[in-house]
PDB file of N, CA and C in Angstrom:
ATOM      1  N   UNK A   1      11.705  -4.232   7.694  1.00  0.00           N
ATOM      2  CA  UNK A   1      10.280  -4.070   7.854  1.00  0.00           C
ATOM      3  C   UNK A   1       9.772  -5.181   8.752  1.00  0.00           C
ATOM      4  N   UNK A   2       9.009  -4.843   9.763  1.00  0.00           N
ATOM      5  CA  UNK A   2       8.392  -5.841  10.625  1.00  0.00           C
ATOM      6  C   UNK A   2       6.986  -6.132  10.093  1.00  0.00           C
ATOM      7  N   UNK A   3       6.704  -7.411   9.830  1.00  0.00           N
ATOM      8  CA  UNK A   3       5.413  -7.822   9.292  1.00  0.00           C
ATOM      9  C   UNK A   3       5.093  -9.197   9.849  1.00  0.00           C
ATOM     10  N   UNK A   4       3.977  -9.328  10.523  1.00  0.00           N
ATOM     11  CA  UNK A   4       3.597 -10.600  11.133  1.00  0.00           C
ATOM     12  C   UNK A   4       2.666 -11.390  10.235  1.00  0.00           C
ATOM     13  N   UNK A   5       2.953 -12.668  10.092  1.00  0.00           N
ATOM     14  CA  UNK A   5       2.077 -13.570   9.344  1.00  0.00           C
ATOM     15  C   UNK A   5       1.023 -14.100  10.313  1.00  0.00           C
ATOM     16  N   UNK A   6      -0.090 -13.412  10.375  1.00  0.00           N
ATOM     17  CA  UNK A   6      -1.210 -13.787  11.241  1.00  0.00           C
ATOM     18  C   UNK A   6      -2.497 -13.457  10.506  1.00  0.00           C
ATOM     19  N   UNK A   7      -3.620 -13.939  10.986  1.00  0.00           N
ATOM     20  CA  UNK A   7      -4.920 -13.650  10.377  1.00  0.00           C
ATOM     21  C   UNK A   7      -4.931 -13.956   8.877  1.00  0.00           C
ATOM     22  N   UNK A   8      -4.415 -15.112   8.485  1.00  0.00           N
ATOM     23  CA  UNK A   8      -4.382 -15.588   7.094  1.00  0.00           C
ATOM     24  C   UNK A   8      -3.385 -14.855   6.209  1.00  0.00           C
ATOM     25  N   UNK A   9      -2.557 -13.994   6.783  1.00  0.00           N
ATOM     26  CA  UNK A   9      -1.503 -13.353   5.989  1.00  0.00           C
ATOM     27  C   UNK A   9      -0.474 -14.414   5.634  1.00  0.00           C
ATOM     28  N   UNK A  10      -0.005 -14.409   4.379  1.00  0.00           N
ATOM     29  CA  UNK A  10       0.915 -15.488   4.011  1.00  0.00           C
ATOM     30  C   UNK A  10       2.041 -15.093   3.077  1.00  0.00           C
ATOM     31  N   UNK A  11       1.866 -14.073   2.257  1.00  0.00           N
ATOM     32  CA  UNK A  11       2.867 -13.812   1.231  1.00  0.00           C
ATOM     33  C   UNK A  11       2.913 -12.327   0.897  1.00  0.00           C
ATOM     34  N   UNK A  12       4.068 -11.728   1.075  1.00  0.00           N
ATOM     35  CA  UNK A  12       4.226 -10.305   0.780  1.00  0.00           C
ATOM     36  C   UNK A  12       4.482 -10.125  -0.710  1.00  0.00           C
ATOM     37  N   UNK A  13       3.708  -9.224  -1.311  1.00  0.00           N
ATOM     38  CA  UNK A  13       3.953  -8.807  -2.678  1.00  0.00           C
ATOM     39  C   UNK A  13       4.715  -7.501  -2.575  1.00  0.00           C
ATOM     40  N   UNK A  14       5.948  -7.502  -3.043  1.00  0.00           N
ATOM     41  CA  UNK A  14       6.831  -6.356  -2.882  1.00  0.00           C
ATOM     42  C   UNK A  14       6.285  -5.096  -3.502  1.00  0.00           C
ATOM     43  N   UNK A  15       6.658  -3.993  -2.933  1.00  0.00           N
ATOM     44  CA  UNK A  15       6.154  -2.713  -3.395  1.00  0.00           C
ATOM     45  C   UNK A  15       7.260  -1.731  -3.698  1.00  0.00           C
ATOM     46  N   UNK A  16       6.939  -0.477  -3.547  1.00  0.00           N
ATOM     47  CA  UNK A  16       7.832   0.620  -3.880  1.00  0.00           C
ATOM     48  C   UNK A  16       7.952   1.602  -2.725  1.00  0.00           C
ATOM     49  N   UNK A  17       9.057   2.291  -2.689  1.00  0.00           N
ATOM     50  CA  UNK A  17       9.187   3.433  -1.781  1.00  0.00           C
ATOM     51  C   UNK A  17       8.660   4.624  -2.558  1.00  0.00           C
ATOM     52  N   UNK A  18       7.639   5.265  -2.020  1.00  0.00           N
ATOM     53  CA  UNK A  18       6.937   6.308  -2.751  1.00  0.00           C
ATOM     54  C   UNK A  18       7.776   7.569  -2.896  1.00  0.00           C
ATOM     55  N   UNK A  19       7.762   8.096  -4.126  1.00  0.00           N
ATOM     56  CA  UNK A  19       8.406   9.369  -4.445  1.00  0.00           C
ATOM     57  C   UNK A  19       7.441  10.221  -5.259  1.00  0.00           C
ATOM     58  N   UNK A  20       6.169   9.916  -5.165  1.00  0.00           N
ATOM     59  CA  UNK A  20       5.158  10.528  -6.027  1.00  0.00           C
ATOM     60  C   UNK A  20       4.573  11.820  -5.521  1.00  0.00           C
ATOM     61  N   UNK A  21       3.447  12.206  -6.116  1.00  0.00           N
ATOM     62  CA  UNK A  21       2.844  13.511  -5.874  1.00  0.00           C
ATOM     63  C   UNK A  21       2.039  13.652  -4.574  1.00  0.00           C
ATOM     64  N   UNK A  22       1.772  12.583  -3.859  1.00  0.00           N
ATOM     65  CA  UNK A  22       0.994  12.689  -2.619  1.00  0.00           C
ATOM     66  C   UNK A  22       1.974  12.953  -1.474  1.00  0.00           C
ATOM     67  N   UNK A  23       2.037  14.200  -1.036  1.00  0.00           N
ATOM     68  CA  UNK A  23       3.066  14.650  -0.094  1.00  0.00           C
ATOM     69  C   UNK A  23       3.129  13.823   1.191  1.00  0.00           C
ATOM     70  N   UNK A  24       1.987  13.492   1.764  1.00  0.00           N
ATOM     71  CA  UNK A  24       1.974  12.765   3.038  1.00  0.00           C
ATOM     72  C   UNK A  24       2.420  11.314   2.884  1.00  0.00           C
ATOM     73  N   UNK A  25       2.583  10.855   1.679  1.00  0.00           N
ATOM     74  CA  UNK A  25       2.903   9.468   1.382  1.00  0.00           C
ATOM     75  C   UNK A  25       4.375   9.259   1.016  1.00  0.00           C
ATOM     76  N   UNK A  26       5.058  10.332   0.685  1.00  0.00           N
ATOM     77  CA  UNK A  26       6.445  10.257   0.224  1.00  0.00           C
ATOM     78  C   UNK A  26       7.339   9.623   1.284  1.00  0.00           C
ATOM     79  N   UNK A  27       8.148   8.664   0.852  1.00  0.00           N
ATOM     80  CA  UNK A  27       9.093   7.990   1.736  1.00  0.00           C
ATOM     81  C   UNK A  27       8.576   6.700   2.327  1.00  0.00           C
ATOM     82  N   UNK A  28       7.266   6.456   2.268  1.00  0.00           N
ATOM     83  CA  UNK A  28       6.716   5.210   2.798  1.00  0.00           C
ATOM     84  C   UNK A  28       6.907   4.087   1.784  1.00  0.00           C
ATOM     85  N   UNK A  29       7.004   2.868   2.274  1.00  0.00           N
ATOM     86  CA  UNK A  29       7.075   1.707   1.404  1.00  0.00           C
ATOM     87  C   UNK A  29       5.678   1.110   1.327  1.00  0.00           C
ATOM     88  N   UNK A  30       5.183   0.910   0.107  1.00  0.00           N
ATOM     89  CA  UNK A  30       3.842   0.368  -0.106  1.00  0.00           C
ATOM     90  C   UNK A  30       3.989  -1.076  -0.584  1.00  0.00           C
ATOM     91  N   UNK A  31       3.253  -1.979   0.044  1.00  0.00           N
ATOM     92  CA  UNK A  31       3.296  -3.392  -0.341  1.00  0.00           C
ATOM     93  C   UNK A  31       1.965  -4.030   0.000  1.00  0.00           C
ATOM     94  N   UNK A  32       1.794  -5.304  -0.331  1.00  0.00           N
ATOM     95  CA  UNK A  32       0.510  -5.978  -0.113  1.00  0.00           C
ATOM     96  C   UNK A  32       0.739  -7.414   0.331  1.00  0.00           C
ATOM     97  N   UNK A  33      -0.318  -8.025   0.833  1.00  0.00           N
ATOM     98  CA  UNK A  33      -0.291  -9.454   1.136  1.00  0.00           C
ATOM     99  C   UNK A  33      -1.164 -10.163   0.100  1.00  0.00           C
ATOM    100  N   UNK A  34      -0.577 -11.089  -0.626  1.00  0.00           N
ATOM    101  CA  UNK A  34      -1.266 -11.794  -1.695  1.00  0.00           C
ATOM    102  C   UNK A  34      -2.510 -12.532  -1.194  1.00  0.00           C
ATOM    103  N   UNK A  35      -2.412 -13.185  -0.042  1.00  0.00           N
ATOM    104  CA  UNK A  35      -3.493 -14.057   0.425  1.00  0.00           C
ATOM    105  C   UNK A  35      -4.731 -13.319   0.907  1.00  0.00           C
ATOM    106  N   UNK A  36      -4.559 -12.142   1.483  1.00  0.00           N
ATOM    107  CA  UNK A  36      -5.721 -11.414   2.004  1.00  0.00           C
ATOM    108  C   UNK A  36      -6.015 -10.144   1.221  1.00  0.00           C
ATOM    109  N   UNK A  37      -5.197  -9.844   0.206  1.00  0.00           N
ATOM    110  CA  UNK A  37      -5.394  -8.703  -0.704  1.00  0.00           C
ATOM    111  C   UNK A  37      -5.323  -7.344  -0.025  1.00  0.00           C
ATOM    112  N   UNK A  38      -4.770  -7.277   1.171  1.00  0.00           N
ATOM    113  CA  UNK A  38      -4.646  -5.995   1.875  1.00  0.00           C
ATOM    114  C   UNK A  38      -3.408  -5.236   1.438  1.00  0.00           C
ATOM    115  N   UNK A  39      -3.518  -3.913   1.436  1.00  0.00           N
ATOM    116  CA  UNK A  39      -2.411  -3.015   1.129  1.00  0.00           C
ATOM    117  C   UNK A  39      -1.840  -2.510   2.459  1.00  0.00           C
ATOM    118  N   UNK A  40      -0.508  -2.433   2.534  1.00  0.00           N
ATOM    119  CA  UNK A  40       0.169  -1.966   3.744  1.00  0.00           C
ATOM    120  C   UNK A  40       1.143  -0.848   3.414  1.00  0.00           C
ATOM    121  N   UNK A  41       1.421  -0.038   4.419  1.00  0.00           N
ATOM    122  CA  UNK A  41       2.428   1.004   4.324  1.00  0.00           C
ATOM    123  C   UNK A  41       3.530   0.686   5.313  1.00  0.00           C
ATOM    124  N   UNK A  42       4.754   0.775   4.879  1.00  0.00           N
ATOM    125  CA  UNK A  42       5.883   0.661   5.777  1.00  0.00           C
ATOM    126  C   UNK A  42       6.265   2.061   6.202  1.00  0.00           C
ATOM    127  N   UNK A  43       6.086   2.334   7.488  1.00  0.00           N
ATOM    128  CA  UNK A  43       6.375   3.660   8.006  1.00  0.00           C
ATOM    129  C   UNK A  43       7.613   3.621   8.890  1.00  0.00           C
ATOM    130  N   UNK A  44       8.531   4.551   8.688  1.00  0.00           N
ATOM    131  CA  UNK A  44       9.664   4.618   9.607  1.00  0.00           C
ATOM    132  C   UNK A  44       9.162   5.118  10.957  1.00  0.00           C
ATOM    133  N   UNK A  45       9.380   4.309  12.003  1.00  0.00           N
ATOM    134  CA  UNK A  45       8.850   4.716  13.303  1.00  0.00           C
ATOM    135  C   UNK A  45       9.867   4.629  14.436  1.00  0.00           C
ATOM    136  N   UNK A  46      10.966   3.934  14.220  1.00  0.00           N
ATOM    137  CA  UNK A  46      11.961   3.812  15.279  1.00  0.00           C
ATOM    138  C   UNK A  46      11.528   2.919  16.425  1.00  0.00           C
ATOM    139  N   UNK A  47      10.321   2.362  16.377  1.00  0.00           N
ATOM    140  CA  UNK A  47       9.813   1.503  17.440  1.00  0.00           C
ATOM    141  C   UNK A  47      10.115   0.039  17.140  1.00  0.00           C
ATOM    142  N   UNK A  48       9.832  -0.387  15.911  1.00  0.00           N
ATOM    143  CA  UNK A  48      10.074  -1.770  15.512  1.00  0.00           C
ATOM    144  C   UNK A  48      11.577  -2.032  15.445  1.00  0.00           C
ATOM    145  N   UNK A  49      11.957  -3.278  15.580  1.00  0.00           N
ATOM    146  CA  UNK A  49      13.366  -3.661  15.541  1.00  0.00           C
ATOM    147  C   UNK A  49      14.030  -3.163  14.262  1.00  0.00           C
ATOM    148  N   UNK A  50      13.333  -3.266  13.142  1.00  0.00           N
ATOM    149  CA  UNK A  50      13.877  -2.836  11.851  1.00  0.00           C
ATOM    150  C   UNK A  50      13.853  -1.323  11.681  1.00  0.00           C
ATOM    151  N   UNK A  51      13.106  -0.628  12.544  1.00  0.00           N
ATOM    152  CA  UNK A  51      12.924   0.811  12.399  1.00  0.00           C
ATOM    153  C   UNK A  51      11.725   1.182  11.548  1.00  0.00           C
ATOM    154  N   UNK A  52      11.053   0.176  10.982  1.00  0.00           N
ATOM    155  CA  UNK A  52       9.879   0.368  10.124  1.00  0.00           C
ATOM    156  C   UNK A  52       8.773  -0.557  10.620  1.00  0.00           C
ATOM    157  N   UNK A  53       7.528  -0.109  10.565  1.00  0.00           N
ATOM    158  CA  UNK A  53       6.430  -0.977  10.962  1.00  0.00           C
ATOM    159  C   UNK A  53       5.370  -1.036   9.868  1.00  0.00           C
ATOM    160  N   UNK A  54       4.635  -2.151   9.826  1.00  0.00           N
ATOM    161  CA  UNK A  54       3.574  -2.358   8.855  1.00  0.00           C
ATOM    162  C   UNK A  54       2.287  -1.742   9.364  1.00  0.00           C
ATOM    163  N   UNK A  55       1.683  -0.899   8.541  1.00  0.00           N
ATOM    164  CA  UNK A  55       0.416  -0.277   8.879  1.00  0.00           C
ATOM    165  C   UNK A  55      -0.571  -0.565   7.758  1.00  0.00           C
ATOM    166  N   UNK A  56      -1.681  -1.257   8.042  1.00  0.00           N
ATOM    167  CA  UNK A  56      -2.639  -1.546   6.965  1.00  0.00           C
ATOM    168  C   UNK A  56      -3.385  -0.290   6.521  1.00  0.00           C
ATOM    169  N   UNK A  57      -3.734  -0.249   5.249  1.00  0.00           N
ATOM    170  CA  UNK A  57      -4.573   0.816   4.714  1.00  0.00           C
ATOM    171  C   UNK A  57      -5.993   0.490   5.131  1.00  0.00           C
ATOM    172  N   UNK A  58      -6.649   1.406   5.819  1.00  0.00           N
ATOM    173  CA  UNK A  58      -8.012   1.191   6.298  1.00  0.00           C
ATOM    174  C   UNK A  58      -8.911   2.333   5.859  1.00  0.00           C
ATOM    175  N   UNK A  59     -10.120   1.996   5.417  1.00  0.00           N
ATOM    176  CA  UNK A  59     -11.095   3.026   5.058  1.00  0.00           C
ATOM    177  C   UNK A  59     -11.693   3.657   6.303  1.00  0.00           C
ATOM    178  N   UNK A  60     -11.706   2.898   7.388  1.00  0.00           N
ATOM    179  CA  UNK A  60     -12.086   3.366   8.712  1.00  0.00           C
ATOM    180  C   UNK A  60     -11.395   2.414   9.692  1.00  0.00           C
ATOM    181  N   UNK A  61     -11.270   2.777  10.957  1.00  0.00           N
ATOM    182  CA  UNK A  61     -10.560   1.899  11.893  1.00  0.00           C
ATOM    183  C   UNK A  61     -11.107   0.468  11.889  1.00  0.00           C
ATOM    184  N   UNK A  62     -10.213  -0.488  11.615  1.00  0.00           N
ATOM    185  CA  UNK A  62     -10.591  -1.900  11.604  1.00  0.00           C
ATOM    186  C   UNK A  62     -11.183  -2.400  10.306  1.00  0.00           C
ATOM    187  N   UNK A  63     -11.305  -1.526   9.294  1.00  0.00           N
ATOM    188  CA  UNK A  63     -11.864  -1.921   8.001  1.00  0.00           C
ATOM    189  C   UNK A  63     -10.796  -1.769   6.925  1.00  0.00           C
ATOM    190  N   UNK A  64     -10.073  -2.863   6.614  1.00  0.00           N
ATOM    191  CA  UNK A  64      -8.994  -2.764   5.633  1.00  0.00           C
ATOM    192  C   UNK A  64      -9.507  -2.550   4.215  1.00  0.00           C
ATOM    193  N   UNK A  65      -8.735  -1.804   3.437  1.00  0.00           N
ATOM    194  CA  UNK A  65      -9.008  -1.644   2.018  1.00  0.00           C
ATOM    195  C   UNK A  65      -8.253  -2.753   1.302  1.00  0.00           C
ATOM    196  N   UNK A  66      -8.931  -3.455   0.412  1.00  0.00           N
ATOM    197  CA  UNK A  66      -8.306  -4.569  -0.299  1.00  0.00           C
ATOM    198  C   UNK A  66      -8.377  -4.345  -1.803  1.00  0.00           C
ATOM    199  N   UNK A  67      -7.501  -5.023  -2.528  1.00  0.00           N
ATOM    200  CA  UNK A  67      -7.566  -4.988  -3.989  1.00  0.00           C
ATOM    201  C   UNK A  67      -8.650  -5.950  -4.451  1.00  0.00           C
ATOM    202  N   UNK A  68      -9.130  -5.746  -5.657  1.00  0.00           N
ATOM    203  CA  UNK A  68     -10.136  -6.641  -6.224  1.00  0.00           C
ATOM    204  C   UNK A  68      -9.419  -7.820  -6.862  1.00  0.00           C
ATOM    205  N   UNK A  69      -8.947  -8.706  -6.057  1.00  0.00           N
ATOM    206  CA  UNK A  69      -8.150  -9.840  -6.521  1.00  0.00           C
ATOM    207  C   UNK A  69      -6.808  -9.820  -5.826  1.00  0.00           C
ATOM    208  N   UNK A  70      -6.114 -10.909  -5.897  1.00  0.00           N
ATOM    209  CA  UNK A  70      -4.837 -11.015  -5.204  1.00  0.00           C
ATOM    210  C   UNK A  70      -3.786 -10.126  -5.870  1.00  0.00           C
ATOM    211  N   UNK A  71      -3.132  -9.248  -5.114  1.00  0.00           N
ATOM    212  CA  UNK A  71      -2.116  -8.365  -5.697  1.00  0.00           C
ATOM    213  C   UNK A  71      -0.879  -9.161  -6.119  1.00  0.00           C
ATOM    214  N   UNK A  72      -0.422  -8.908  -7.349  1.00  0.00           N
ATOM    215  CA  UNK A  72       0.739  -9.651  -7.856  1.00  0.00           C
ATOM    216  C   UNK A  72       1.932  -8.760  -8.171  1.00  0.00           C
ATOM    217  N   UNK A  73       1.756  -7.461  -8.135  1.00  0.00           N
ATOM    218  CA  UNK A  73       2.891  -6.590  -8.411  1.00  0.00           C
ATOM    219  C   UNK A  73       2.542  -5.123  -8.295  1.00  0.00           C
ATOM    220  N   UNK A  74       3.580  -4.323  -8.193  1.00  0.00           N
ATOM    221  CA  UNK A  74       3.447  -2.877  -8.117  1.00  0.00           C
ATOM    222  C   UNK A  74       4.243  -2.258  -9.256  1.00  0.00           C
ATOM    223  N   UNK A  75       3.891  -1.051  -9.620  1.00  0.00           N
ATOM    224  CA  UNK A  75       4.616  -0.312 -10.640  1.00  0.00           C
ATOM    225  C   UNK A  75       4.598   1.162 -10.331  1.00  0.00           C
ATOM    226  N   UNK A  76       5.366   1.890 -11.092  1.00  0.00           N
ATOM    227  CA  UNK A  76       5.507   3.327 -10.879  1.00  0.00           C
ATOM    228  C   UNK A  76       5.667   3.979 -12.247  1.00  0.00           C
ATOM    229  N   UNK A  77       5.002   5.131 -12.460  1.00  0.00           N
ATOM    230  CA  UNK A  77       5.176   5.828 -13.727  1.00  0.00           C
ATOM    231  C   UNK A  77       6.228   6.924 -13.587  1.00  0.00           C
ATOM    232  N   UNK A  78       6.459   7.672 -14.645  1.00  0.00           N
ATOM    233  CA  UNK A  78       7.502   8.693 -14.644  1.00  0.00           C
ATOM    234  C   UNK A  78       7.251   9.827 -13.659  1.00  0.00           C
ATOM    235  N   UNK A  79       5.990  10.032 -13.285  1.00  0.00           N
ATOM    236  CA  UNK A  79       5.653  11.084 -12.320  1.00  0.00           C
ATOM    237  C   UNK A  79       5.711  10.590 -10.882  1.00  0.00           C
ATOM    238  N   UNK A  80       5.985   9.303 -10.682  1.00  0.00           N
ATOM    239  CA  UNK A  80       6.054   8.729  -9.344  1.00  0.00           C
ATOM    240  C   UNK A  80       4.746   8.161  -8.842  1.00  0.00           C
ATOM    241  N   UNK A  81       3.687   8.194  -9.672  1.00  0.00           N
ATOM    242  CA  UNK A  81       2.414   7.587  -9.271  1.00  0.00           C
ATOM    243  C   UNK A  81       2.597   6.084  -9.122  1.00  0.00           C
ATOM    244  N   UNK A  82       1.975   5.521  -8.093  1.00  0.00           N
ATOM    245  CA  UNK A  82       2.079   4.094  -7.841  1.00  0.00           C
ATOM    246  C   UNK A  82       0.861   3.347  -8.366  1.00  0.00           C
ATOM    247  N   UNK A  83       1.097   2.110  -8.801  1.00  0.00           N
ATOM    248  CA  UNK A  83       0.063   1.237  -9.324  1.00  0.00           C
ATOM    249  C   UNK A  83       0.198  -0.129  -8.668  1.00  0.00           C
ATOM    250  N   UNK A  84      -0.932  -0.842  -8.540  1.00  0.00           N
ATOM    251  CA  UNK A  84      -0.903  -2.224  -8.080  1.00  0.00           C
ATOM    252  C   UNK A  84      -1.717  -3.049  -9.074  1.00  0.00           C
ATOM    253  N   UNK A  85      -1.174  -4.203  -9.445  1.00  0.00           N
ATOM    254  CA  UNK A  85      -1.848  -5.110 -10.374  1.00  0.00           C
ATOM    255  C   UNK A  85      -2.377  -6.307  -9.596  1.00  0.00           C
ATOM    256  N   UNK A  86      -3.574  -6.757  -9.965  1.00  0.00           N
ATOM    257  CA  UNK A  86      -4.158  -7.920  -9.301  1.00  0.00           C
ATOM    258  C   UNK A  86      -4.131  -9.118 -10.231  1.00  0.00           C
ATOM    259  N   UNK A  87      -4.236 -10.299  -9.651  1.00  0.00           N
ATOM    260  CA  UNK A  87      -4.178 -11.535 -10.416  1.00  0.00           C
ATOM    261  C   UNK A  87      -5.289 -11.600 -11.454  1.00  0.00           C
ATOM    262  N   UNK A  88      -6.412 -10.962 -11.200  1.00  0.00           N
ATOM    263  CA  UNK A  88      -7.525 -10.968 -12.141  1.00  0.00           C
ATOM    264  C   UNK A  88      -7.305 -10.101 -13.367  1.00  0.00           C
ATOM    265  N   UNK A  89      -6.182  -9.365 -13.424  1.00  0.00           N
ATOM    266  CA  UNK A  89      -5.869  -8.557 -14.589  1.00  0.00           C
ATOM    267  C   UNK A  89      -6.097  -7.065 -14.414  1.00  0.00           C
ATOM    268  N   UNK A  90      -6.669  -6.650 -13.307  1.00  0.00           N
ATOM    269  CA  UNK A  90      -6.915  -5.231 -13.085  1.00  0.00           C
ATOM    270  C   UNK A  90      -5.639  -4.531 -12.618  1.00  0.00           C
ATOM    271  N   UNK A  91      -5.511  -3.258 -12.987  1.00  0.00           N
ATOM    272  CA  UNK A  91      -4.417  -2.411 -12.527  1.00  0.00           C
ATOM    273  C   UNK A  91      -5.049  -1.165 -11.936  1.00  0.00           C
ATOM    274  N   UNK A  92      -4.633  -0.817 -10.707  1.00  0.00           N
ATOM    275  CA  UNK A  92      -5.192   0.331 -10.004  1.00  0.00           C
ATOM    276  C   UNK A  92      -4.098   1.348  -9.719  1.00  0.00           C
ATOM    277  N   UNK A  93      -4.452   2.632  -9.847  1.00  0.00           N
ATOM    278  CA  UNK A  93      -3.522   3.706  -9.523  1.00  0.00           C
ATOM    279  C   UNK A  93      -3.923   4.310  -8.186  1.00  0.00           C
ATOM    280  N   UNK A  94      -2.953   4.466  -7.294  1.00  0.00           N
ATOM    281  CA  UNK A  94      -3.213   5.145  -6.032  1.00  0.00           C
ATOM    282  C   UNK A  94      -3.430   6.615  -6.342  1.00  0.00           C
ATOM    283  N   UNK A  95      -4.449   7.212  -5.712  1.00  0.00           N
ATOM    284  CA  UNK A  95      -4.753   8.607  -5.997  1.00  0.00           C
ATOM    285  C   UNK A  95      -5.196   9.330  -4.735  1.00  0.00           C
ATOM    286  N   UNK A  96      -5.234  10.638  -4.847  1.00  0.00           N
ATOM    287  CA  UNK A  96      -5.664  11.504  -3.755  1.00  0.00           C
ATOM    288  C   UNK A  96      -6.662  12.497  -4.329  1.00  0.00           C
ATOM    289  N   UNK A  97      -7.698  12.795  -3.577  1.00  0.00           N
ATOM    290  CA  UNK A  97      -8.706  13.740  -4.044  1.00  0.00           C
ATOM    291  C   UNK A  97      -8.094  15.100  -4.347  1.00  0.00           C
ATOM    292  N   UNK A  98      -7.161  15.535  -3.512  1.00  0.00           N
ATOM    293  CA  UNK A  98      -6.545  16.848  -3.699  1.00  0.00           C
ATOM    294  C   UNK A  98      -5.240  16.768  -4.476  1.00  0.00           C
ATOM    295  N   UNK A  99      -4.705  15.545  -4.621  1.00  0.00           N
ATOM    296  CA  UNK A  99      -3.422  15.396  -5.278  1.00  0.00           C
ATOM    297  C   UNK A  99      -2.264  15.709  -4.353  1.00  0.00           C
ATOM    298  N   UNK A 100      -2.560  15.971  -3.077  1.00  0.00           N
ATOM    299  CA  UNK A 100      -1.479  16.354  -2.168  1.00  0.00           C
ATOM    300  C   UNK A 100      -1.563  15.602  -0.851  1.00  0.00           C
ATOM    301  N   UNK A 101      -2.424  16.024   0.052  1.00  0.00           N
ATOM    302  CA  UNK A 101      -2.383  15.482   1.403  1.00  0.00           C
ATOM    303  C   UNK A 101      -3.567  14.635   1.826  1.00  0.00           C
ATOM    304  N   UNK A 102      -4.658  14.659   1.120  1.00  0.00           N
ATOM    305  CA  UNK A 102      -5.824  13.871   1.507  1.00  0.00           C
ATOM    306  C   UNK A 102      -5.656  12.456   0.954  1.00  0.00           C
ATOM    307  N   UNK A 103      -4.974  11.628   1.706  1.00  0.00           N
ATOM    308  CA  UNK A 103      -4.643  10.292   1.222  1.00  0.00           C
ATOM    309  C   UNK A 103      -5.871   9.477   0.867  1.00  0.00           C
ATOM    310  N   UNK A 104      -5.937   9.065  -0.374  1.00  0.00           N
ATOM    311  CA  UNK A 104      -6.916   8.084  -0.835  1.00  0.00           C
ATOM    312  C   UNK A 104      -8.355   8.421  -0.459  1.00  0.00           C
ATOM    313  N   UNK A 105      -8.713   9.658  -0.520  1.00  0.00           N
ATOM    314  CA  UNK A 105     -10.080  10.043  -0.187  1.00  0.00           C
ATOM    315  C   UNK A 105     -11.091   9.316  -1.074  1.00  0.00           C
ATOM    316  N   UNK A 106     -10.689   9.002  -2.295  1.00  0.00           N
ATOM    317  CA  UNK A 106     -11.580   8.293  -3.204  1.00  0.00           C
ATOM    318  C   UNK A 106     -11.163   6.857  -3.434  1.00  0.00           C
ATOM    319  N   UNK A 107     -10.261   6.346  -2.609  1.00  0.00           N
ATOM    320  CA  UNK A 107      -9.811   4.965  -2.760  1.00  0.00           C
ATOM    321  C   UNK A 107      -8.996   4.783  -4.025  1.00  0.00           C
ATOM    322  N   UNK A 108      -9.143   3.625  -4.635  1.00  0.00           N
ATOM    323  CA  UNK A 108      -8.456   3.352  -5.889  1.00  0.00           C
ATOM    324  C   UNK A 108      -9.169   4.069  -7.011  1.00  0.00           C
ATOM    325  N   UNK A 109      -8.444   4.419  -8.019  1.00  0.00           N
ATOM    326  CA  UNK A 109      -9.035   5.072  -9.174  1.00  0.00           C
ATOM    327  C   UNK A 109      -9.455   4.038 -10.194  1.00  0.00           C
TER     328      UNK A 109
END
């Protein structure tokens, strides 16, 4: 995975390779940066040296979606749904409005 430490990025919080119910998300690696609370997707692209590139989750171009607190870990349930826990004690589940292809239409649940 290619990930640059710039713009106050400092520490990767490891994530999961998605196998869950959101079809457009399957196979991507989800992770976060502890210092800026941003969520990233590792997408296989064949362009980066590693073959994977970091793509930030954005609500609109240039507007990153962040966790409410520094992300400290990820989890997965039996159905493949992904969760992220923040240092403040909150746990968020990634969701889709349609449950299939409309990625994060409602953000975190």
